[in-house]
Amino acid sequence: MKRRPEIEKAAGEIRPSPAAFESTPHRKHEMTKPKVPQFEAKSKVRPKVTYHGPARLGDDLVVQCAVLEDGRRGYVQRSLREAVGLKRNLPLPAFAGFLSEIAPNALKYIGKTSSPVQVRMPNGATGVWVEAGILTEIANGVIGAALDGNLGSGRQHMIAPCRAILRALGKTGEIALIDEATGHQYHREPDALQDIITQLIREEAKDWDLRFPPHFYRSLCRLWGFSYGNKHAPLPWVIGQVTRRWVYDVVFPPEIMAEIKARRRSEKMHQWLKDGGIKLLEKQRDAVAIIAQSAVDPKDFEARCSAVFNRPGTQVSMAFPQEAA
């Protein structure tokens, strides 16, 4: 029987000869494809997210931003996938496969040595974080594939959000976007507390101006069973506590809140804020109002706020019993 030339027998073993390793055209094509990262086991030490907040990229397009304790900026990966039009719960290997096909330059952001990174969110939960820069690469990759006719029919829905992302990032870069969304722009030097106070707090209180419109308090009063509309009656104490907890305390660090409390007399807290602080306040106020309008009761409101703002919730309806209207 004639022996095949690409197989050699030696010492009872069958070993491929050098000819068996010669590249075929098919193998050469495979070698040029971007390599999909093989994810290593996660480290038990998880970085902590110190600043977190939503960035609005369009009318109905939001991505959750997160800044780590070492200053690195990025996104909560589930929110990122959802923002570009992918399934929120898409497994990481499938996400990497999508990137290798559509946006190979984005693979560097989820490689073994950088992301994905499991992090500790402010509410104590674990999340997967991915570094800033990946959003631009994905959006460019999707739009490029669409223009080249290489975006499948099942991915055509991704064109609209990716166009919105590129428009938003055309006005500001990813780092600036994240800093504004999380408030990190006011905390870049944690040791320079005086600089932060100077940026956010006025020397003297400003004249009162309407910062919390009627619909904000009407939505909260509905949840706690209070009537709203009597301008001569003060708001129930619990409404003020909820406002402080989910509006002020989410965007301003304890040092800022303590400084305002030390300065104020009869003024409202927002009267001491400069324009940058007012902008953060109003953005958070609007987010809380949307949740209050859709929640069914105080417990539901707390749970939703805790999930959206990544802060531990409390049973507010139990801590502050409802009073008769």
Protein backbone atom coordinates (compact mmCIF):
# COMPACT_ATOMS: atom_id res chain seq x y z
CA MET A 1 0.00 0.00 0.00
CA LYS A 2 1.43 3.35 -1.03
CA ARG A 3 1.96 5.77 1.86
CA ARG A 4 0.43 9.24 1.60
CA PRO A 5 3.20 11.79 1.26
CA GLU A 6 1.83 14.24 3.87
CA ILE A 7 1.83 11.63 6.66
CA GLU A 8 4.91 10.14 8.21
CA LYS A 9 5.06 7.27 10.68
CA ALA A 10 7.72 7.30 13.34
CA ALA A 11 8.00 5.26 16.52
CA GLY A 12 4.39 4.16 16.25
CA GLU A 13 3.09 7.74 16.13
CA ILE A 14 1.37 9.49 13.25
CA ARG A 15 2.72 13.01 12.82
CA PRO A 16 1.84 15.49 10.13
CA SER A 17 4.70 16.27 7.82
CA PRO A 18 5.64 19.92 7.09
CA ALA A 19 3.44 19.76 3.99
CA ALA A 20 0.39 19.42 6.19
CA PHE A 21 1.05 22.89 7.63
CA GLU A 22 1.20 24.67 4.28
CA SER A 23 -1.36 27.51 4.12
CA THR A 24 -4.23 27.15 1.74
CA PRO A 25 -6.04 30.22 0.38
CA HIS A 26 -8.85 29.51 2.86
CA ARG A 27 -6.44 29.42 5.80
CA LYS A 28 -4.78 32.64 4.70
CA HIS A 29 -8.18 34.35 4.68
CA GLU A 30 -8.87 33.14 8.20
CA MET A 31 -5.52 34.46 9.40
CA THR A 32 -6.41 37.99 8.30
CA LYS A 33 -9.71 38.12 10.19
CA PRO A 34 -9.68 40.10 13.46
CA LYS A 35 -9.17 37.85 16.41
CA VAL A 36 -12.11 37.64 18.78
CA PRO A 37 -10.86 37.97 22.37
CA GLN A 38 -11.08 34.93 24.61
CA PHE A 39 -12.15 36.27 27.96
CA GLU A 40 -10.12 35.34 30.98
CA ALA A 41 -11.54 34.68 34.41
CA LYS A 42 -12.57 37.87 36.14
CA SER A 43 -10.41 39.21 38.95
CA LYS A 44 -11.95 39.13 42.42
CA VAL A 45 -10.80 42.71 42.96
CA ARG A 46 -13.34 44.92 41.21
CA PRO A 47 -12.72 48.62 40.58
CA LYS A 48 -15.28 50.96 42.08
CA VAL A 49 -17.48 53.29 40.06
CA THR A 50 -17.28 56.68 41.79
CA TYR A 51 -19.34 58.77 39.35
CA HIS A 52 -22.28 57.56 37.34
CA GLY A 53 -25.02 59.12 35.24
CA PRO A 54 -27.02 58.97 32.01
CA ALA A 55 -25.92 60.78 28.83
CA ARG A 56 -28.72 61.69 26.45
CA LEU A 57 -27.64 61.18 22.84
CA GLY A 58 -31.05 61.70 21.23
CA ASP A 59 -34.74 61.99 22.03
CA ASP A 60 -35.04 58.38 23.18
CA LEU A 61 -31.37 57.43 23.25
CA VAL A 62 -29.52 57.22 26.58
CA VAL A 63 -26.27 55.54 27.58
CA GLN A 64 -25.21 55.05 31.19
CA CYS A 65 -21.77 56.54 31.82
CA ALA A 66 -19.41 55.54 34.62
CA VAL A 67 -16.11 56.91 35.92
CA LEU A 68 -13.86 54.54 37.88
CA GLU A 69 -12.00 55.50 41.04
CA ASP A 70 -8.75 55.78 39.06
CA GLY A 71 -10.32 58.35 36.72
CA ARG A 72 -10.93 56.13 33.69
CA ARG A 73 -14.13 57.00 31.85
CA GLY A 74 -16.46 54.55 30.18
CA TYR A 75 -19.91 53.02 29.99
CA VAL A 76 -22.02 50.32 31.58
CA GLN A 77 -21.75 47.71 28.84
CA ARG A 78 -25.39 46.58 28.82
CA SER A 79 -26.52 50.17 28.37
CA LEU A 80 -23.94 50.68 25.62
CA ARG A 81 -25.16 47.66 23.65
CA GLU A 82 -28.76 48.77 23.98
CA ALA A 83 -27.89 52.32 22.85
CA VAL A 84 -26.39 51.16 19.55
CA GLY A 85 -29.31 48.82 18.83
CA LEU A 86 -28.05 45.50 20.15
CA LYS A 87 -29.83 43.30 22.67
CA ARG A 88 -29.17 44.48 26.20
CA ASN A 89 -28.42 40.95 27.43
CA LEU A 90 -26.24 39.95 24.47
CA PRO A 91 -23.48 37.61 25.80
CA LEU A 92 -19.95 39.02 25.78
CA PRO A 93 -18.60 36.50 23.22
CA ALA A 94 -21.44 37.36 20.84
CA PHE A 95 -20.76 41.07 21.37
CA ALA A 96 -17.10 40.48 20.54
CA GLY A 97 -18.11 38.59 17.42
CA PHE A 98 -20.27 41.50 16.30
CA LEU A 99 -17.36 43.90 16.79
CA SER A 100 -14.95 41.70 14.84
CA GLU A 101 -17.32 41.81 11.90
CA ILE A 102 -18.63 45.39 11.97
CA ALA A 103 -16.16 47.43 14.04
CA PRO A 104 -12.85 45.55 14.37
CA ASN A 105 -11.07 48.63 15.72
CA ALA A 106 -13.36 48.46 18.76
CA LEU A 107 -12.01 45.06 19.79
CA LYS A 108 -9.10 46.70 21.59
CA TYR A 109 -11.58 48.04 24.15
CA ILE A 110 -12.72 44.57 25.22
CA GLY A 111 -9.39 42.72 25.04
CA LYS A 112 -7.91 40.71 27.89
CA THR A 113 -5.74 43.50 29.23
CA SER A 114 -8.31 46.31 29.37
CA SER A 115 -12.06 45.67 29.23
CA PRO A 116 -14.40 44.03 29.94
CA VAL A 117 -13.96 45.02 33.57
CA GLN A 118 -16.30 43.91 36.29
CA VAL A 119 -16.90 46.87 38.57
CA ARG A 120 -18.71 47.70 41.79
CA MET A 121 -21.54 50.13 41.14
CA PRO A 122 -22.45 52.79 43.76
CA ASN A 123 -25.41 50.68 44.92
CA GLY A 124 -23.12 47.70 45.62
CA ALA A 125 -24.17 45.71 42.54
CA THR A 126 -21.71 44.34 40.00
CA GLY A 127 -21.63 45.66 36.45
CA VAL A 128 -19.51 45.26 33.34
CA TRP A 129 -17.69 48.42 32.31
CA VAL A 130 -16.11 49.26 28.95
CA GLU A 131 -13.74 52.12 28.28
CA ALA A 132 -14.59 55.33 26.43
CA GLY A 133 -13.72 55.33 22.74
CA ILE A 134 -15.69 52.24 21.86
CA LEU A 135 -18.91 54.16 21.21
CA THR A 136 -17.40 56.14 18.33
CA GLU A 137 -15.86 53.01 16.80
CA ILE A 138 -19.14 51.09 16.88
CA ALA A 139 -21.18 53.94 15.42
CA ASN A 140 -18.64 54.53 12.65
CA GLY A 141 -18.49 50.80 11.93
CA VAL A 142 -22.25 50.44 11.60
CA ILE A 143 -22.63 53.50 9.35
CA GLY A 144 -19.63 52.40 7.25
CA ALA A 145 -21.06 48.91 6.80
CA ALA A 146 -24.42 50.40 5.80
CA LEU A 147 -22.83 52.66 3.19
CA ASP A 148 -20.87 49.72 1.78
CA GLY A 149 -24.01 47.57 1.60
CA ASN A 150 -22.61 45.12 4.15
CA LEU A 151 -25.07 45.70 6.97
CA GLY A 152 -27.55 42.82 7.05
CA SER A 153 -31.30 43.32 7.06
CA GLY A 154 -31.45 42.28 10.71
CA ARG A 155 -29.18 45.19 11.63
CA GLN A 156 -30.75 48.00 9.64
CA HIS A 157 -32.44 49.30 12.80
CA MET A 158 -28.98 50.20 14.16
CA ILE A 159 -28.45 52.94 11.56
CA ALA A 160 -30.71 55.53 13.23
CA PRO A 161 -29.23 55.32 16.75
CA CYS A 162 -25.68 55.25 15.42
CA ARG A 163 -26.32 58.36 13.34
CA ALA A 164 -27.70 60.07 16.45
CA ILE A 165 -24.61 59.02 18.40
CA LEU A 166 -22.26 60.49 15.80
CA ARG A 167 -24.24 63.73 15.74
CA ALA A 168 -24.04 64.00 19.52
CA LEU A 169 -20.33 63.20 19.61
CA GLY A 170 -19.74 65.72 16.82
CA LYS A 171 -20.59 68.45 19.33
CA THR A 172 -18.53 67.03 22.18
CA GLY A 173 -16.08 64.17 22.57
CA GLU A 174 -16.74 61.03 24.57
CA ILE A 175 -14.70 62.17 27.59
CA ALA A 176 -16.51 65.51 27.81
CA LEU A 177 -19.84 63.72 27.33
CA ILE A 178 -19.12 61.35 30.22
CA ASP A 179 -17.81 64.09 32.50
CA GLU A 180 -20.94 66.15 31.96
CA ALA A 181 -23.28 63.18 32.43
CA THR A 182 -21.64 62.03 35.66
CA GLY A 183 -20.64 65.39 37.13
CA HIS A 184 -17.01 64.25 37.10
CA GLN A 185 -15.98 67.58 35.55
CA TYR A 186 -16.38 69.09 38.99
CA HIS A 187 -14.37 66.38 40.75
CA ARG A 188 -11.22 65.96 38.65
CA GLU A 189 -9.06 66.94 41.61
CA PRO A 190 -10.62 65.27 44.66
CA ASP A 191 -8.12 66.89 47.04
CA ALA A 192 -8.88 70.41 45.84
CA LEU A 193 -12.22 70.72 47.65
CA GLN A 194 -12.04 74.48 47.64
CA ASP A 195 -11.79 74.52 43.83
CA ILE A 196 -14.92 72.38 43.58
CA ILE A 197 -16.80 74.64 45.99
CA THR A 198 -15.73 77.67 43.97
CA GLN A 199 -17.06 76.09 40.77
CA LEU A 200 -20.44 75.11 42.19
CA ILE A 201 -21.39 77.41 45.07
CA ARG A 202 -22.07 81.15 45.07
CA GLU A 203 -20.57 83.61 47.53
CA GLU A 204 -24.05 84.98 48.18
CA ALA A 205 -27.43 83.37 47.62
CA LYS A 206 -29.20 84.30 44.41
CA ASP A 207 -32.75 85.63 44.38
CA TRP A 208 -35.33 82.85 44.45
CA ASP A 209 -36.33 81.43 41.10
CA LEU A 210 -38.66 78.53 40.24
CA ARG A 211 -36.50 75.40 39.88
CA PHE A 212 -39.06 72.70 40.71
CA PRO A 213 -42.18 73.19 38.57
CA PRO A 214 -45.65 72.15 39.79
CA HIS A 215 -45.70 68.91 37.80
CA PHE A 216 -42.62 67.69 39.71
CA TYR A 217 -44.24 68.00 43.13
CA ARG A 218 -47.66 66.95 41.85
CA SER A 219 -46.16 63.63 40.68
CA LEU A 220 -44.49 63.01 44.04
CA CYS A 221 -47.57 63.98 46.04
CA ARG A 222 -49.66 61.55 43.99
CA LEU A 223 -47.41 58.67 45.02
CA TRP A 224 -47.64 59.48 48.73
CA GLY A 225 -51.35 60.22 48.66
CA PHE A 226 -51.13 63.96 49.30
CA SER A 227 -53.20 66.61 47.56
CA TYR A 228 -51.28 69.32 45.73
CA GLY A 229 -52.36 72.77 44.64
CA ASN A 230 -52.81 74.82 47.82
CA LYS A 231 -50.09 77.45 47.46
CA HIS A 232 -50.57 78.53 51.09
CA ALA A 233 -49.90 75.07 52.52
CA PRO A 234 -46.29 73.86 52.81
CA LEU A 235 -45.33 70.61 51.17
CA PRO A 236 -45.26 67.55 53.44
CA TRP A 237 -41.86 66.91 54.96
CA VAL A 238 -41.48 63.57 53.19
CA ILE A 239 -41.63 65.28 49.77
CA GLY A 240 -38.72 67.50 50.73
CA GLN A 241 -36.74 64.48 51.92
CA VAL A 242 -37.40 62.60 48.70
CA THR A 243 -36.36 65.65 46.65
CA ARG A 244 -33.11 65.95 48.52
CA ARG A 245 -32.37 62.23 48.38
CA TRP A 246 -32.99 61.65 44.68
CA VAL A 247 -32.16 65.06 43.21
CA TYR A 248 -29.50 66.79 45.30
CA ASP A 249 -27.71 63.82 46.86
CA VAL A 250 -27.36 61.97 43.56
CA VAL A 251 -25.44 64.75 41.77
CA PHE A 252 -23.65 66.60 44.58
CA PRO A 253 -21.06 65.01 46.89
CA PRO A 254 -21.55 65.23 50.68
CA GLU A 255 -18.94 68.00 50.97
CA ILE A 256 -20.93 70.28 48.68
CA MET A 257 -24.19 69.56 50.50
CA ALA A 258 -22.51 70.26 53.86
CA GLU A 259 -21.10 73.55 52.58
CA ILE A 260 -24.50 74.72 51.30
CA LYS A 261 -26.13 73.73 54.59
CA ALA A 262 -23.51 75.72 56.50
CA ARG A 263 -24.09 78.85 54.39
CA ARG A 264 -27.86 78.87 53.98
CA ARG A 265 -30.26 80.59 56.30
CA SER A 266 -33.84 80.66 55.03
CA GLU A 267 -32.92 80.28 51.35
CA LYS A 268 -33.57 77.22 49.24
CA MET A 269 -30.51 75.12 48.49
CA HIS A 270 -30.63 75.83 44.75
CA GLN A 271 -30.25 79.57 45.43
CA TRP A 272 -26.63 78.91 46.39
CA LEU A 273 -25.75 77.05 43.20
CA LYS A 274 -23.87 78.56 40.28
CA ASP A 275 -24.93 77.94 36.68
CA GLY A 276 -22.96 74.68 36.42
CA GLY A 277 -24.62 73.34 39.55
CA ILE A 278 -28.05 74.47 38.36
CA LYS A 279 -27.54 72.59 35.10
CA LEU A 280 -26.77 69.37 36.99
CA LEU A 281 -29.71 69.94 39.31
CA GLU A 282 -32.24 70.48 36.53
CA LYS A 283 -31.04 67.45 34.57
CA GLN A 284 -31.48 65.23 37.64
CA ARG A 285 -34.81 66.86 38.52
CA ASP A 286 -36.22 66.01 35.09
CA ALA A 287 -35.03 62.39 35.35
CA VAL A 288 -36.72 61.98 38.75
CA ALA A 289 -39.93 63.59 37.46
CA ILE A 290 -40.18 61.04 34.64
CA ILE A 291 -39.83 58.18 37.13
CA ALA A 292 -42.38 59.71 39.50
CA GLN A 293 -44.94 60.09 36.70
CA SER A 294 -44.73 56.40 35.77
CA ALA A 295 -44.32 54.83 39.24
CA VAL A 296 -47.36 53.28 40.91
CA ASP A 297 -46.48 53.84 44.57
CA PRO A 298 -43.58 54.99 46.81
CA LYS A 299 -42.01 51.52 46.89
CA ASP A 300 -42.05 51.30 43.10
CA PHE A 301 -40.60 54.82 42.84
CA GLU A 302 -37.75 53.96 45.22
CA ALA A 303 -36.96 50.76 43.37
CA ARG A 304 -36.84 52.51 40.02
CA CYS A 305 -34.66 55.35 41.29
CA SER A 306 -32.31 52.89 42.94
CA ALA A 307 -31.94 50.96 39.68
CA VAL A 308 -31.56 53.99 37.40
CA PHE A 309 -29.21 56.02 39.59
CA ASN A 310 -27.35 53.02 41.06
CA ARG A 311 -27.87 54.02 44.66
CA PRO A 312 -29.26 51.87 47.48
CA GLY A 313 -32.96 52.46 47.97
CA THR A 314 -34.98 52.64 51.19
CA GLN A 315 -38.56 51.91 52.06
CA VAL A 316 -39.51 55.58 52.07
CA SER A 317 -43.21 54.81 52.37
CA MET A 318 -42.43 52.96 55.63
CA ALA A 319 -39.84 55.42 56.95
CA PHE A 320 -42.23 58.33 56.46
CA PRO A 321 -45.85 57.22 57.01
CA GLN A 322 -48.43 58.97 54.92
CA GLU A 323 -50.30 61.84 56.52
CA ALA A 324 -53.86 62.80 55.88
CA ALA A 325 -54.14 65.27 53.01
